[in-house]
Amino acid sequence: MNEKAIELAHRATRQLHALERSVDTALKNGAALIACLAGGRLEAGLAVEVGQDALEALDCAMTQIIMAQGKVVEAHHALFAAAQEMNIPVAVGGGGGKPALPFRAGTSNAGLTVVDEPWFKSV
């Protein structure tokens, strides 16, 4: 197996997971800002018109972030398929502190088995 391709897969996996976390963080922060503005407007007794243009702009931004997240998911699937084609060991799931479900490239998702292999620990 091509060791350089495996190392690239490991580096790309770390970067992909970092990007996925960043997009989720952007969504979380955008939602918090929208809630802050709407709640703050209520608390301050301001008219609904105050800040409405900002809320509309944020709504548009959030929609774009969600669309970008979908493209990141597409990239994730494409990278996974590339790893399978090259028979590079990969892990399903994981990232963001979630446990991963390990399996070898080229196998079906049905009947996954937990394994303890060095390649999985370094992903």
PDB file of N, CA and C in Angstrom:
ATOM      1  N   MET A   1       0.850  -1.181   0.000  1.00  0.00           N
ATOM      2  CA  MET A   1       0.000   0.000   0.000  1.00  0.00           C
ATOM      3  C   MET A   1       0.897   1.246   0.000  1.00  0.00           C
ATOM      4  N   ASN A   2       0.500   2.267  -0.697  1.00  0.00           N
ATOM      5  CA  ASN A   2       1.257   3.510  -0.822  1.00  0.00           C
ATOM      6  C   ASN A   2       1.214   4.282   0.500  1.00  0.00           C
ATOM      7  N   GLU A   3       2.333   4.283   1.210  1.00  0.00           N
ATOM      8  CA  GLU A   3       2.397   4.944   2.522  1.00  0.00           C
ATOM      9  C   GLU A   3       2.146   6.444   2.428  1.00  0.00           C
ATOM     10  N   LYS A   4       2.624   7.083   1.351  1.00  0.00           N
ATOM     11  CA  LYS A   4       2.404   8.520   1.196  1.00  0.00           C
ATOM     12  C   LYS A   4       0.924   8.820   0.979  1.00  0.00           C
ATOM     13  N   ALA A   5       0.233   7.955   0.259  1.00  0.00           N
ATOM     14  CA  ALA A   5      -1.211   8.137   0.058  1.00  0.00           C
ATOM     15  C   ALA A   5      -1.955   7.961   1.373  1.00  0.00           C
ATOM     16  N   ILE A   6      -1.515   7.025   2.194  1.00  0.00           N
ATOM     17  CA  ILE A   6      -2.150   6.809   3.500  1.00  0.00           C
ATOM     18  C   ILE A   6      -1.927   8.023   4.391  1.00  0.00           C
ATOM     19  N   GLU A   7      -0.711   8.551   4.400  1.00  0.00           N
ATOM     20  CA  GLU A   7      -0.429   9.750   5.211  1.00  0.00           C
ATOM     21  C   GLU A   7      -1.265  10.926   4.724  1.00  0.00           C
ATOM     22  N   LEU A   8      -1.382  11.080   3.409  1.00  0.00           N
ATOM     23  CA  LEU A   8      -2.229  12.147   2.864  1.00  0.00           C
ATOM     24  C   LEU A   8      -3.668  11.964   3.330  1.00  0.00           C
ATOM     25  N   ALA A   9      -4.158  10.740   3.304  1.00  0.00           N
ATOM     26  CA  ALA A   9      -5.529  10.463   3.747  1.00  0.00           C
ATOM     27  C   ALA A   9      -5.707  10.863   5.207  1.00  0.00           C
ATOM     28  N   HIS A  10      -4.720  10.591   6.036  1.00  0.00           N
ATOM     29  CA  HIS A  10      -4.798  10.944   7.463  1.00  0.00           C
ATOM     30  C   HIS A  10      -4.801  12.465   7.642  1.00  0.00           C
ATOM     31  N   ARG A  11      -3.908  13.152   6.912  1.00  0.00           N
ATOM     32  CA  ARG A  11      -3.874  14.622   7.017  1.00  0.00           C
ATOM     33  C   ARG A  11      -5.171  15.233   6.503  1.00  0.00           C
ATOM     34  N   ALA A  12      -5.647  14.729   5.377  1.00  0.00           N
ATOM     35  CA  ALA A  12      -6.888  15.254   4.804  1.00  0.00           C
ATOM     36  C   ALA A  12      -8.062  15.002   5.739  1.00  0.00           C
ATOM     37  N   THR A  13      -8.077  13.860   6.402  1.00  0.00           N
ATOM     38  CA  THR A  13      -9.152  13.547   7.346  1.00  0.00           C
ATOM     39  C   THR A  13      -9.161  14.549   8.490  1.00  0.00           C
ATOM     40  N   ARG A  14      -7.982  14.849   9.028  1.00  0.00           N
ATOM     41  CA  ARG A  14      -7.910  15.825  10.128  1.00  0.00           C
ATOM     42  C   ARG A  14      -8.397  17.201   9.661  1.00  0.00           C
ATOM     43  N   GLN A  15      -7.980  17.613   8.472  1.00  0.00           N
ATOM     44  CA  GLN A  15      -8.399  18.913   7.950  1.00  0.00           C
ATOM     45  C   GLN A  15      -9.891  18.936   7.649  1.00  0.00           C
ATOM     46  N   LEU A  16     -10.413  17.847   7.109  1.00  0.00           N
ATOM     47  CA  LEU A  16     -11.843  17.767   6.813  1.00  0.00           C
ATOM     48  C   LEU A  16     -12.661  17.875   8.094  1.00  0.00           C
ATOM     49  N   HIS A  17     -12.244  17.163   9.122  1.00  0.00           N
ATOM     50  CA  HIS A  17     -12.976  17.225  10.393  1.00  0.00           C
ATOM     51  C   HIS A  17     -12.898  18.623  11.000  1.00  0.00           C
ATOM     52  N   ALA A  18     -11.751  19.283  10.860  1.00  0.00           N
ATOM     53  CA  ALA A  18     -11.623  20.654  11.355  1.00  0.00           C
ATOM     54  C   ALA A  18     -12.576  21.579  10.594  1.00  0.00           C
ATOM     55  N   LEU A  19     -12.667  21.400   9.286  1.00  0.00           N
ATOM     56  CA  LEU A  19     -13.589  22.216   8.487  1.00  0.00           C
ATOM     57  C   LEU A  19     -15.036  21.955   8.897  1.00  0.00           C
ATOM     58  N   GLU A  20     -15.394  20.693   9.090  1.00  0.00           N
ATOM     59  CA  GLU A  20     -16.763  20.360   9.503  1.00  0.00           C
ATOM     60  C   GLU A  20     -17.101  21.015  10.840  1.00  0.00           C
ATOM     61  N   ARG A  21     -16.156  20.981  11.782  1.00  0.00           N
ATOM     62  CA  ARG A  21     -16.387  21.624  13.086  1.00  0.00           C
ATOM     63  C   ARG A  21     -16.522  23.138  12.922  1.00  0.00           C
ATOM     64  N   SER A  22     -15.716  23.705  12.031  1.00  0.00           N
ATOM     65  CA  SER A  22     -15.774  25.158  11.811  1.00  0.00           C
ATOM     66  C   SER A  22     -17.120  25.583  11.250  1.00  0.00           C
ATOM     67  N   VAL A  23     -17.645  24.812  10.326  1.00  0.00           N
ATOM     68  CA  VAL A  23     -18.945  25.154   9.745  1.00  0.00           C
ATOM     69  C   VAL A  23     -20.032  25.038  10.812  1.00  0.00           C
ATOM     70  N   ASP A  24     -19.986  23.979  11.612  1.00  0.00           N
ATOM     71  CA  ASP A  24     -20.966  23.846  12.696  1.00  0.00           C
ATOM     72  C   ASP A  24     -20.839  24.997  13.689  1.00  0.00           C
ATOM     73  N   THR A  25     -19.609  25.409  13.974  1.00  0.00           N
ATOM     74  CA  THR A  25     -19.401  26.539  14.880  1.00  0.00           C
ATOM     75  C   THR A  25     -19.979  27.819  14.286  1.00  0.00           C
ATOM     76  N   ALA A  26     -19.788  28.013  12.983  1.00  0.00           N
ATOM     77  CA  ALA A  26     -20.358  29.194  12.327  1.00  0.00           C
ATOM     78  C   ALA A  26     -21.881  29.186  12.424  1.00  0.00           C
ATOM     79  N   LEU A  27     -22.489  28.029  12.232  1.00  0.00           N
ATOM     80  CA  LEU A  27     -23.949  27.926  12.356  1.00  0.00           C
ATOM     81  C   LEU A  27     -24.400  28.231  13.781  1.00  0.00           C
ATOM     82  N   LYS A  28     -23.676  27.664  14.740  1.00  0.00           N
ATOM     83  CA  LYS A  28     -24.018  27.899  16.144  1.00  0.00           C
ATOM     84  C   LYS A  28     -23.892  29.383  16.487  1.00  0.00           C
ATOM     85  N   ASN A  29     -22.812  30.007  16.053  1.00  0.00           N
ATOM     86  CA  ASN A  29     -22.598  31.423  16.358  1.00  0.00           C
ATOM     87  C   ASN A  29     -23.605  32.313  15.641  1.00  0.00           C
ATOM     88  N   GLY A  30     -23.930  31.977  14.404  1.00  0.00           N
ATOM     89  CA  GLY A  30     -24.936  32.754  13.675  1.00  0.00           C
ATOM     90  C   GLY A  30     -26.295  32.663  14.335  1.00  0.00           C
ATOM     91  N   ALA A  31     -26.665  31.472  14.747  1.00  0.00           N
ATOM     92  CA  ALA A  31     -27.955  31.287  15.425  1.00  0.00           C
ATOM     93  C   ALA A  31     -27.975  32.052  16.750  1.00  0.00           C
ATOM     94  N   ALA A  32     -26.858  32.025  17.459  1.00  0.00           N
ATOM     95  CA  ALA A  32     -26.780  32.747  18.732  1.00  0.00           C
ATOM     96  C   ALA A  32     -26.905  34.256  18.511  1.00  0.00           C
ATOM     97  N   LEU A  33     -26.294  34.756  17.442  1.00  0.00           N
ATOM     98  CA  LEU A  33     -26.394  36.181  17.144  1.00  0.00           C
ATOM     99  C   LEU A  33     -27.832  36.563  16.796  1.00  0.00           C
ATOM    100  N   ILE A  34     -28.490  35.746  15.991  1.00  0.00           N
ATOM    101  CA  ILE A  34     -29.887  36.026  15.640  1.00  0.00           C
ATOM    102  C   ILE A  34     -30.756  36.030  16.897  1.00  0.00           C
ATOM    103  N   ALA A  35     -30.567  35.047  17.763  1.00  0.00           N
ATOM    104  CA  ALA A  35     -31.332  34.989  19.005  1.00  0.00           C
ATOM    105  C   ALA A  35     -31.028  36.191  19.894  1.00  0.00           C
ATOM    106  N   CYS A  36     -29.768  36.592  19.952  1.00  0.00           N
ATOM    107  CA  CYS A  36     -29.370  37.754  20.752  1.00  0.00           C
ATOM    108  C   CYS A  36     -30.059  39.021  20.256  1.00  0.00           C
ATOM    109  N   LEU A  37     -30.051  39.217  18.941  1.00  0.00           N
ATOM    110  CA  LEU A  37     -30.660  40.422  18.385  1.00  0.00           C
ATOM    111  C   LEU A  37     -32.174  40.448  18.590  1.00  0.00           C
ATOM    112  N   ALA A  38     -32.826  39.315  18.309  1.00  0.00           N
ATOM    113  CA  ALA A  38     -34.279  39.272  18.478  1.00  0.00           C
ATOM    114  C   ALA A  38     -34.659  39.390  19.952  1.00  0.00           C
ATOM    115  N   GLY A  39     -33.948  38.659  20.811  1.00  0.00           N
ATOM    116  CA  GLY A  39     -34.225  38.736  22.243  1.00  0.00           C
ATOM    117  C   GLY A  39     -33.907  40.100  22.816  1.00  0.00           C
ATOM    118  N   GLY A  40     -32.808  40.676  22.374  1.00  0.00           N
ATOM    119  CA  GLY A  40     -32.424  42.002  22.842  1.00  0.00           C
ATOM    120  C   GLY A  40     -33.417  43.066  22.430  1.00  0.00           C
ATOM    121  N   ARG A  41     -33.950  42.913  21.233  1.00  0.00           N
ATOM    122  CA  ARG A  41     -34.961  43.863  20.756  1.00  0.00           C
ATOM    123  C   ARG A  41     -36.200  43.782  21.646  1.00  0.00           C
ATOM    124  N   LEU A  42     -36.595  42.563  22.009  1.00  0.00           N
ATOM    125  CA  LEU A  42     -37.751  42.389  22.906  1.00  0.00           C
ATOM    126  C   LEU A  42     -37.468  42.990  24.282  1.00  0.00           C
ATOM    127  N   GLU A  43     -36.310  42.663  24.844  1.00  0.00           N
ATOM    128  CA  GLU A  43     -35.951  43.153  26.174  1.00  0.00           C
ATOM    129  C   GLU A  43     -35.873  44.673  26.234  1.00  0.00           C
ATOM    130  N   ALA A  44     -35.394  45.259  25.146  1.00  0.00           N
ATOM    131  CA  ALA A  44     -35.237  46.721  25.113  1.00  0.00           C
ATOM    132  C   ALA A  44     -36.520  47.425  24.710  1.00  0.00           C
ATOM    133  N   GLY A  45     -37.560  46.656  24.359  1.00  0.00           N
ATOM    134  CA  GLY A  45     -38.820  47.258  23.957  1.00  0.00           C
ATOM    135  C   GLY A  45     -38.727  48.022  22.642  1.00  0.00           C
ATOM    136  N   LEU A  46     -37.854  47.559  21.750  1.00  0.00           N
ATOM    137  CA  LEU A  46     -37.659  48.238  20.473  1.00  0.00           C
ATOM    138  C   LEU A  46     -38.697  47.770  19.453  1.00  0.00           C
ATOM    139  N   ALA A  47     -38.954  48.608  18.498  1.00  0.00           N
ATOM    140  CA  ALA A  47     -39.882  48.269  17.421  1.00  0.00           C
ATOM    141  C   ALA A  47     -39.303  47.130  16.584  1.00  0.00           C
ATOM    142  N   VAL A  48     -40.183  46.347  16.009  1.00  0.00           N
ATOM    143  CA  VAL A  48     -39.772  45.214  15.199  1.00  0.00           C
ATOM    144  C   VAL A  48     -38.926  45.638  13.998  1.00  0.00           C
ATOM    145  N   GLU A  49     -39.060  46.856  13.557  1.00  0.00           N
ATOM    146  CA  GLU A  49     -38.294  47.356  12.411  1.00  0.00           C
ATOM    147  C   GLU A  49     -36.810  47.532  12.734  1.00  0.00           C
ATOM    148  N   VAL A  50     -36.510  47.735  14.027  1.00  0.00           N
ATOM    149  CA  VAL A  50     -35.124  47.993  14.426  1.00  0.00           C
ATOM    150  C   VAL A  50     -34.292  46.730  14.200  1.00  0.00           C
ATOM    151  N   GLY A  51     -33.313  46.846  13.362  1.00  0.00           N
ATOM    152  CA  GLY A  51     -32.415  45.720  13.091  1.00  0.00           C
ATOM    153  C   GLY A  51     -32.961  44.676  12.140  1.00  0.00           C
ATOM    154  N   GLN A  52     -34.137  44.925  11.572  1.00  0.00           N
ATOM    155  CA  GLN A  52     -34.728  43.940  10.684  1.00  0.00           C
ATOM    156  C   GLN A  52     -33.837  43.664   9.475  1.00  0.00           C
ATOM    157  N   ASP A  53     -33.216  44.709   8.934  1.00  0.00           N
ATOM    158  CA  ASP A  53     -32.331  44.514   7.784  1.00  0.00           C
ATOM    159  C   ASP A  53     -31.137  43.635   8.148  1.00  0.00           C
ATOM    160  N   ALA A  54     -30.637  43.780   9.357  1.00  0.00           N
ATOM    161  CA  ALA A  54     -29.528  42.938   9.815  1.00  0.00           C
ATOM    162  C   ALA A  54     -29.979  41.487   9.955  1.00  0.00           C
ATOM    163  N   LEU A  55     -31.172  41.279  10.505  1.00  0.00           N
ATOM    164  CA  LEU A  55     -31.689  39.918  10.638  1.00  0.00           C
ATOM    165  C   LEU A  55     -31.889  39.261   9.278  1.00  0.00           C
ATOM    166  N   GLU A  56     -32.385  40.018   8.319  1.00  0.00           N
ATOM    167  CA  GLU A  56     -32.558  39.472   6.978  1.00  0.00           C
ATOM    168  C   GLU A  56     -31.216  39.110   6.352  1.00  0.00           C
ATOM    169  N   ALA A  57     -30.211  39.960   6.563  1.00  0.00           N
ATOM    170  CA  ALA A  57     -28.869  39.666   6.044  1.00  0.00           C
ATOM    171  C   ALA A  57     -28.296  38.419   6.716  1.00  0.00           C
ATOM    172  N   LEU A  58     -28.512  38.291   8.021  1.00  0.00           N
ATOM    173  CA  LEU A  58     -28.034  37.109   8.739  1.00  0.00           C
ATOM    174  C   LEU A  58     -28.749  35.852   8.276  1.00  0.00           C
ATOM    175  N   ASP A  59     -30.036  35.967   7.993  1.00  0.00           N
ATOM    176  CA  ASP A  59     -30.781  34.822   7.468  1.00  0.00           C
ATOM    177  C   ASP A  59     -30.159  34.347   6.159  1.00  0.00           C
ATOM    178  N   CYS A  60     -29.831  35.281   5.293  1.00  0.00           N
ATOM    179  CA  CYS A  60     -29.188  34.956   4.014  1.00  0.00           C
ATOM    180  C   CYS A  60     -27.827  34.301   4.265  1.00  0.00           C
ATOM    181  N   ALA A  61     -27.058  34.857   5.189  1.00  0.00           N
ATOM    182  CA  ALA A  61     -25.744  34.301   5.512  1.00  0.00           C
ATOM    183  C   ALA A  61     -25.874  32.877   6.055  1.00  0.00           C
ATOM    184  N   MET A  62     -26.848  32.657   6.926  1.00  0.00           N
ATOM    185  CA  MET A  62     -27.042  31.317   7.489  1.00  0.00           C
ATOM    186  C   MET A  62     -27.426  30.314   6.405  1.00  0.00           C
ATOM    187  N   THR A  63     -28.262  30.743   5.472  1.00  0.00           N
ATOM    188  CA  THR A  63     -28.640  29.866   4.358  1.00  0.00           C
ATOM    189  C   THR A  63     -27.404  29.486   3.557  1.00  0.00           C
ATOM    190  N   GLN A  64     -26.537  30.446   3.307  1.00  0.00           N
ATOM    191  CA  GLN A  64     -25.307  30.169   2.551  1.00  0.00           C
ATOM    192  C   GLN A  64     -24.386  29.221   3.324  1.00  0.00           C
ATOM    193  N   ILE A  65     -24.306  29.389   4.632  1.00  0.00           N
ATOM    194  CA  ILE A  65     -23.474  28.498   5.447  1.00  0.00           C
ATOM    195  C   ILE A  65     -24.027  27.080   5.392  1.00  0.00           C
ATOM    196  N   ILE A  66     -25.339  26.942   5.476  1.00  0.00           N
ATOM    197  CA  ILE A  66     -25.962  25.614   5.399  1.00  0.00           C
ATOM    198  C   ILE A  66     -25.711  24.987   4.033  1.00  0.00           C
ATOM    199  N   MET A  67     -25.779  25.785   2.982  1.00  0.00           N
ATOM    200  CA  MET A  67     -25.485  25.273   1.643  1.00  0.00           C
ATOM    201  C   MET A  67     -24.017  24.856   1.547  1.00  0.00           C
ATOM    202  N   ALA A  68     -23.128  25.652   2.133  1.00  0.00           N
ATOM    203  CA  ALA A  68     -21.708  25.309   2.136  1.00  0.00           C
ATOM    204  C   ALA A  68     -21.474  24.009   2.907  1.00  0.00           C
ATOM    205  N   GLN A  69     -22.205  23.839   3.998  1.00  0.00           N
ATOM    206  CA  GLN A  69     -22.075  22.617   4.778  1.00  0.00           C
ATOM    207  C   GLN A  69     -22.453  21.402   3.928  1.00  0.00           C
ATOM    208  N   GLY A  70     -23.478  21.545   3.117  1.00  0.00           N
ATOM    209  CA  GLY A  70     -23.860  20.460   2.219  1.00  0.00           C
ATOM    210  C   GLY A  70     -22.756  20.119   1.238  1.00  0.00           C
ATOM    211  N   LYS A  71     -22.048  21.134   0.747  1.00  0.00           N
ATOM    212  CA  LYS A  71     -20.930  20.896  -0.169  1.00  0.00           C
ATOM    213  C   LYS A  71     -19.763  20.228   0.546  1.00  0.00           C
ATOM    214  N   VAL A  72     -19.552  20.568   1.813  1.00  0.00           N
ATOM    215  CA  VAL A  72     -18.515  19.904   2.598  1.00  0.00           C
ATOM    216  C   VAL A  72     -18.872  18.428   2.761  1.00  0.00           C
ATOM    217  N   VAL A  73     -20.144  18.134   2.993  1.00  0.00           N
ATOM    218  CA  VAL A  73     -20.590  16.740   3.093  1.00  0.00           C
ATOM    219  C   VAL A  73     -20.343  16.018   1.768  1.00  0.00           C
ATOM    220  N   GLU A  74     -20.638  16.680   0.652  1.00  0.00           N
ATOM    221  CA  GLU A  74     -20.370  16.077  -0.665  1.00  0.00           C
ATOM    222  C   GLU A  74     -18.881  15.777  -0.823  1.00  0.00           C
ATOM    223  N   ALA A  75     -18.035  16.720  -0.402  1.00  0.00           N
ATOM    224  CA  ALA A  75     -16.591  16.504  -0.485  1.00  0.00           C
ATOM    225  C   ALA A  75     -16.169  15.333   0.395  1.00  0.00           C
ATOM    226  N   HIS A  76     -16.765  15.239   1.580  1.00  0.00           N
ATOM    227  CA  HIS A  76     -16.479  14.142   2.501  1.00  0.00           C
ATOM    228  C   HIS A  76     -16.783  12.807   1.822  1.00  0.00           C
ATOM    229  N   HIS A  77     -17.947  12.723   1.200  1.00  0.00           N
ATOM    230  CA  HIS A  77     -18.326  11.488   0.515  1.00  0.00           C
ATOM    231  C   HIS A  77     -17.390  11.186  -0.648  1.00  0.00           C
ATOM    232  N   ALA A  78     -16.993  12.208  -1.392  1.00  0.00           N
ATOM    233  CA  ALA A  78     -16.083  12.011  -2.522  1.00  0.00           C
ATOM    234  C   ALA A  78     -14.716  11.526  -2.044  1.00  0.00           C
ATOM    235  N   LEU A  79     -14.224  12.101  -0.953  1.00  0.00           N
ATOM    236  CA  LEU A  79     -12.940  11.662  -0.413  1.00  0.00           C
ATOM    237  C   LEU A  79     -13.019  10.230   0.107  1.00  0.00           C
ATOM    238  N   PHE A  80     -14.131   9.895   0.726  1.00  0.00           N
ATOM    239  CA  PHE A  80     -14.342   8.538   1.215  1.00  0.00           C
ATOM    240  C   PHE A  80     -14.327   7.551   0.041  1.00  0.00           C
ATOM    241  N   ALA A  81     -15.015   7.914  -1.037  1.00  0.00           N
ATOM    242  CA  ALA A  81     -15.053   7.049  -2.222  1.00  0.00           C
ATOM    243  C   ALA A  81     -13.661   6.889  -2.821  1.00  0.00           C
ATOM    244  N   ALA A  82     -12.884   7.980  -2.855  1.00  0.00           N
ATOM    245  CA  ALA A  82     -11.525   7.906  -3.383  1.00  0.00           C
ATOM    246  C   ALA A  82     -10.667   6.969  -2.539  1.00  0.00           C
ATOM    247  N   ALA A  83     -10.819   7.051  -1.222  1.00  0.00           N
ATOM    248  CA  ALA A  83     -10.066   6.165  -0.331  1.00  0.00           C
ATOM    249  C   ALA A  83     -10.454   4.705  -0.583  1.00  0.00           C
ATOM    250  N   GLN A  84     -11.745   4.465  -0.765  1.00  0.00           N
ATOM    251  CA  GLN A  84     -12.191   3.099  -1.049  1.00  0.00           C
ATOM    252  C   GLN A  84     -11.588   2.586  -2.354  1.00  0.00           C
ATOM    253  N   GLU A  85     -11.592   3.430  -3.386  1.00  0.00           N
ATOM    254  CA  GLU A  85     -11.046   3.031  -4.686  1.00  0.00           C
ATOM    255  C   GLU A  85      -9.564   2.678  -4.586  1.00  0.00           C
ATOM    256  N   MET A  86      -8.832   3.366  -3.698  1.00  0.00           N
ATOM    257  CA  MET A  86      -7.404   3.125  -3.550  1.00  0.00           C
ATOM    258  C   MET A  86      -7.115   2.117  -2.437  1.00  0.00           C
ATOM    259  N   ASN A  87      -8.184   1.545  -1.868  1.00  0.00           N
ATOM    260  CA  ASN A  87      -8.065   0.558  -0.794  1.00  0.00           C
ATOM    261  C   ASN A  87      -7.280   1.102   0.400  1.00  0.00           C
ATOM    262  N   ILE A  88      -7.554   2.358   0.743  1.00  0.00           N
ATOM    263  CA  ILE A  88      -6.938   2.977   1.918  1.00  0.00           C
ATOM    264  C   ILE A  88      -7.867   2.758   3.099  1.00  0.00           C
ATOM    265  N   PRO A  89      -7.357   2.242   4.214  1.00  0.00           N
ATOM    266  CA  PRO A  89      -8.205   2.038   5.394  1.00  0.00           C
ATOM    267  C   PRO A  89      -8.815   3.358   5.856  1.00  0.00           C
ATOM    268  N   VAL A  90     -10.099   3.337   6.115  1.00  0.00           N
ATOM    269  CA  VAL A  90     -10.807   4.537   6.552  1.00  0.00           C
ATOM    270  C   VAL A  90     -11.683   4.207   7.740  1.00  0.00           C
ATOM    271  N   ALA A  91     -12.157   5.259   8.428  1.00  0.00           N
ATOM    272  CA  ALA A  91     -13.073   5.100   9.548  1.00  0.00           C
ATOM    273  C   ALA A  91     -14.353   5.841   9.218  1.00  0.00           C
ATOM    274  N   VAL A  92     -15.489   5.258   9.562  1.00  0.00           N
ATOM    275  CA  VAL A  92     -16.786   5.890   9.335  1.00  0.00           C
ATOM    276  C   VAL A  92     -17.203   6.587  10.612  1.00  0.00           C
ATOM    277  N   GLY A  93     -17.706   7.814  10.487  1.00  0.00           N
ATOM    278  CA  GLY A  93     -18.142   8.559  11.666  1.00  0.00           C
ATOM    279  C   GLY A  93     -16.958   9.257  12.297  1.00  0.00           C
ATOM    280  N   GLY A  94     -17.074   9.546  13.567  1.00  0.00           N
ATOM    281  CA  GLY A  94     -15.986  10.200  14.267  1.00  0.00           C
ATOM    282  C   GLY A  94     -15.958  11.691  14.000  1.00  0.00           C
ATOM    283  N   GLY A  95     -14.937  12.318  14.464  1.00  0.00           N
ATOM    284  CA  GLY A  95     -14.825  13.764  14.321  1.00  0.00           C
ATOM    285  C   GLY A  95     -15.662  14.440  15.388  1.00  0.00           C
ATOM    286  N   GLY A  96     -15.233  15.535  15.869  1.00  0.00           N
ATOM    287  CA  GLY A  96     -16.002  16.283  16.850  1.00  0.00           C
ATOM    288  C   GLY A  96     -16.204  15.539  18.157  1.00  0.00           C
ATOM    289  N   GLY A  97     -15.289  14.610  18.468  1.00  0.00           N
ATOM    290  CA  GLY A  97     -15.403  13.876  19.721  1.00  0.00           C
ATOM    291  C   GLY A  97     -16.359  12.697  19.670  1.00  0.00           C
ATOM    292  N   LYS A  98     -17.013  12.479  18.516  1.00  0.00           N
ATOM    293  CA  LYS A  98     -17.920  11.340  18.394  1.00  0.00           C
ATOM    294  C   LYS A  98     -17.101  10.087  18.116  1.00  0.00           C
ATOM    295  N   PRO A  99     -17.490   8.950  18.656  1.00  0.00           N
ATOM    296  CA  PRO A  99     -16.736   7.729  18.365  1.00  0.00           C
ATOM    297  C   PRO A  99     -16.899   7.342  16.900  1.00  0.00           C
ATOM    298  N   ALA A 100     -15.837   6.865  16.315  1.00  0.00           N
ATOM    299  CA  ALA A 100     -15.872   6.434  14.921  1.00  0.00           C
ATOM    300  C   ALA A 100     -16.183   4.948  14.843  1.00  0.00           C
ATOM    301  N   LEU A 101     -16.790   4.563  13.751  1.00  0.00           N
ATOM    302  CA  LEU A 101     -17.037   3.156  13.481  1.00  0.00           C
ATOM    303  C   LEU A 101     -16.018   2.710  12.438  1.00  0.00           C
ATOM    304  N   PRO A 102     -15.033   1.906  12.823  1.00  0.00           N
ATOM    305  CA  PRO A 102     -13.987   1.542  11.879  1.00  0.00           C
ATOM    306  C   PRO A 102     -14.452   0.455  10.918  1.00  0.00           C
ATOM    307  N   PHE A 103     -13.971   0.531   9.702  1.00  0.00           N
ATOM    308  CA  PHE A 103     -14.110  -0.564   8.773  1.00  0.00           C
ATOM    309  C   PHE A 103     -13.116  -0.393   7.657  1.00  0.00           C
ATOM    310  N   ARG A 104     -12.831  -1.463   6.979  1.00  0.00           N
ATOM    311  CA  ARG A 104     -11.861  -1.445   5.902  1.00  0.00           C
ATOM    312  C   ARG A 104     -12.515  -0.989   4.608  1.00  0.00           C
ATOM    313  N   ALA A 105     -11.768  -0.215   3.843  1.00  0.00           N
ATOM    314  CA  ALA A 105     -12.270   0.235   2.548  1.00  0.00           C
ATOM    315  C   ALA A 105     -12.628  -0.975   1.698  1.00  0.00           C
ATOM    316  N   GLY A 106     -13.689  -0.825   0.927  1.00  0.00           N
ATOM    317  CA  GLY A 106     -14.117  -1.885   0.035  1.00  0.00           C
ATOM    318  C   GLY A 106     -15.097  -2.858   0.661  1.00  0.00           C
ATOM    319  N   THR A 107     -15.424  -2.654   1.937  1.00  0.00           N
ATOM    320  CA  THR A 107     -16.399  -3.533   2.573  1.00  0.00           C
ATOM    321  C   THR A 107     -17.717  -2.800   2.702  1.00  0.00           C
ATOM    322  N   SER A 108     -18.754  -3.540   2.941  1.00  0.00           N
ATOM    323  CA  SER A 108     -20.080  -2.947   3.067  1.00  0.00           C
ATOM    324  C   SER A 108     -20.272  -2.417   4.476  1.00  0.00           C
ATOM    325  N   ASN A 109     -21.186  -1.454   4.628  1.00  0.00           N
ATOM    326  CA  ASN A 109     -21.494  -0.926   5.956  1.00  0.00           C
ATOM    327  C   ASN A 109     -22.246  -1.942   6.800  1.00  0.00           C
ATOM    328  N   ALA A 110     -22.848  -2.903   6.170  1.00  0.00           N
ATOM    329  CA  ALA A 110     -23.600  -3.912   6.916  1.00  0.00           C
ATOM    330  C   ALA A 110     -22.620  -4.780   7.696  1.00  0.00           C
ATOM    331  N   GLY A 111     -22.934  -5.037   8.943  1.00  0.00           N
ATOM    332  CA  GLY A 111     -22.114  -5.925   9.751  1.00  0.00           C
ATOM    333  C   GLY A 111     -20.755  -5.343  10.106  1.00  0.00           C
ATOM    334  N   LEU A 112     -20.690  -4.049  10.429  1.00  0.00           N
ATOM    335  CA  LEU A 112     -19.423  -3.440  10.825  1.00  0.00           C
ATOM    336  C   LEU A 112     -18.899  -4.111  12.086  1.00  0.00           C
ATOM    337  N   THR A 113     -17.591  -4.220  12.161  1.00  0.00           N
ATOM    338  CA  THR A 113     -16.954  -4.843  13.307  1.00  0.00           C
ATOM    339  C   THR A 113     -15.968  -3.872  13.918  1.00  0.00           C
ATOM    340  N   VAL A 114     -15.978  -3.743  15.224  1.00  0.00           N
ATOM    341  CA  VAL A 114     -15.009  -2.899  15.897  1.00  0.00           C
ATOM    342  C   VAL A 114     -13.667  -3.614  15.854  1.00  0.00           C
ATOM    343  N   VAL A 115     -12.632  -2.887  15.449  1.00  0.00           N
ATOM    344  CA  VAL A 115     -11.304  -3.474  15.343  1.00  0.00           C
ATOM    345  C   VAL A 115     -10.318  -2.610  16.109  1.00  0.00           C
ATOM    346  N   ASP A 116      -9.206  -3.196  16.434  1.00  0.00           N
ATOM    347  CA  ASP A 116      -8.155  -2.461  17.125  1.00  0.00           C
ATOM    348  C   ASP A 116      -6.905  -2.563  16.269  1.00  0.00           C
ATOM    349  N   GLU A 117      -6.776  -1.620  15.338  1.00  0.00           N
ATOM    350  CA  GLU A 117      -5.646  -1.633  14.426  1.00  0.00           C
ATOM    351  C   GLU A 117      -4.933  -0.293  14.483  1.00  0.00           C
ATOM    352  N   PRO A 118      -3.618  -0.288  14.284  1.00  0.00           N
ATOM    353  CA  PRO A 118      -2.847   0.966  14.371  1.00  0.00           C
ATOM    354  C   PRO A 118      -3.339   2.035  13.389  1.00  0.00           C
ATOM    355  N   TRP A 119      -3.755   1.657  12.192  1.00  0.00           N
ATOM    356  CA  TRP A 119      -4.180   2.658  11.218  1.00  0.00           C
ATOM    357  C   TRP A 119      -5.384   3.422  11.715  1.00  0.00           C
ATOM    358  N   PHE A 120      -6.269   2.770  12.489  1.00  0.00           N
ATOM    359  CA  PHE A 120      -7.463   3.430  12.969  1.00  0.00           C
ATOM    360  C   PHE A 120      -7.130   4.460  14.034  1.00  0.00           C
ATOM    361  N   LYS A 121      -6.192   4.151  14.904  1.00  0.00           N
ATOM    362  CA  LYS A 121      -5.845   5.055  15.991  1.00  0.00           C
ATOM    363  C   LYS A 121      -5.205   6.342  15.498  1.00  0.00           C
ATOM    364  N   SER A 122      -4.559   6.312  14.348  1.00  0.00           N
ATOM    365  CA  SER A 122      -3.857   7.502  13.874  1.00  0.00           C
ATOM    366  C   SER A 122      -4.718   8.366  12.990  1.00  0.00           C
ATOM    367  N   VAL A 123      -5.928   7.941  12.652  1.00  0.00           N
ATOM    368  CA  VAL A 123      -6.800   8.733  11.770  1.00  0.00           C
ATOM    369  C   VAL A 123      -7.304   9.938  12.510  1.00  0.00           C
TER     370      VAL A 123
END
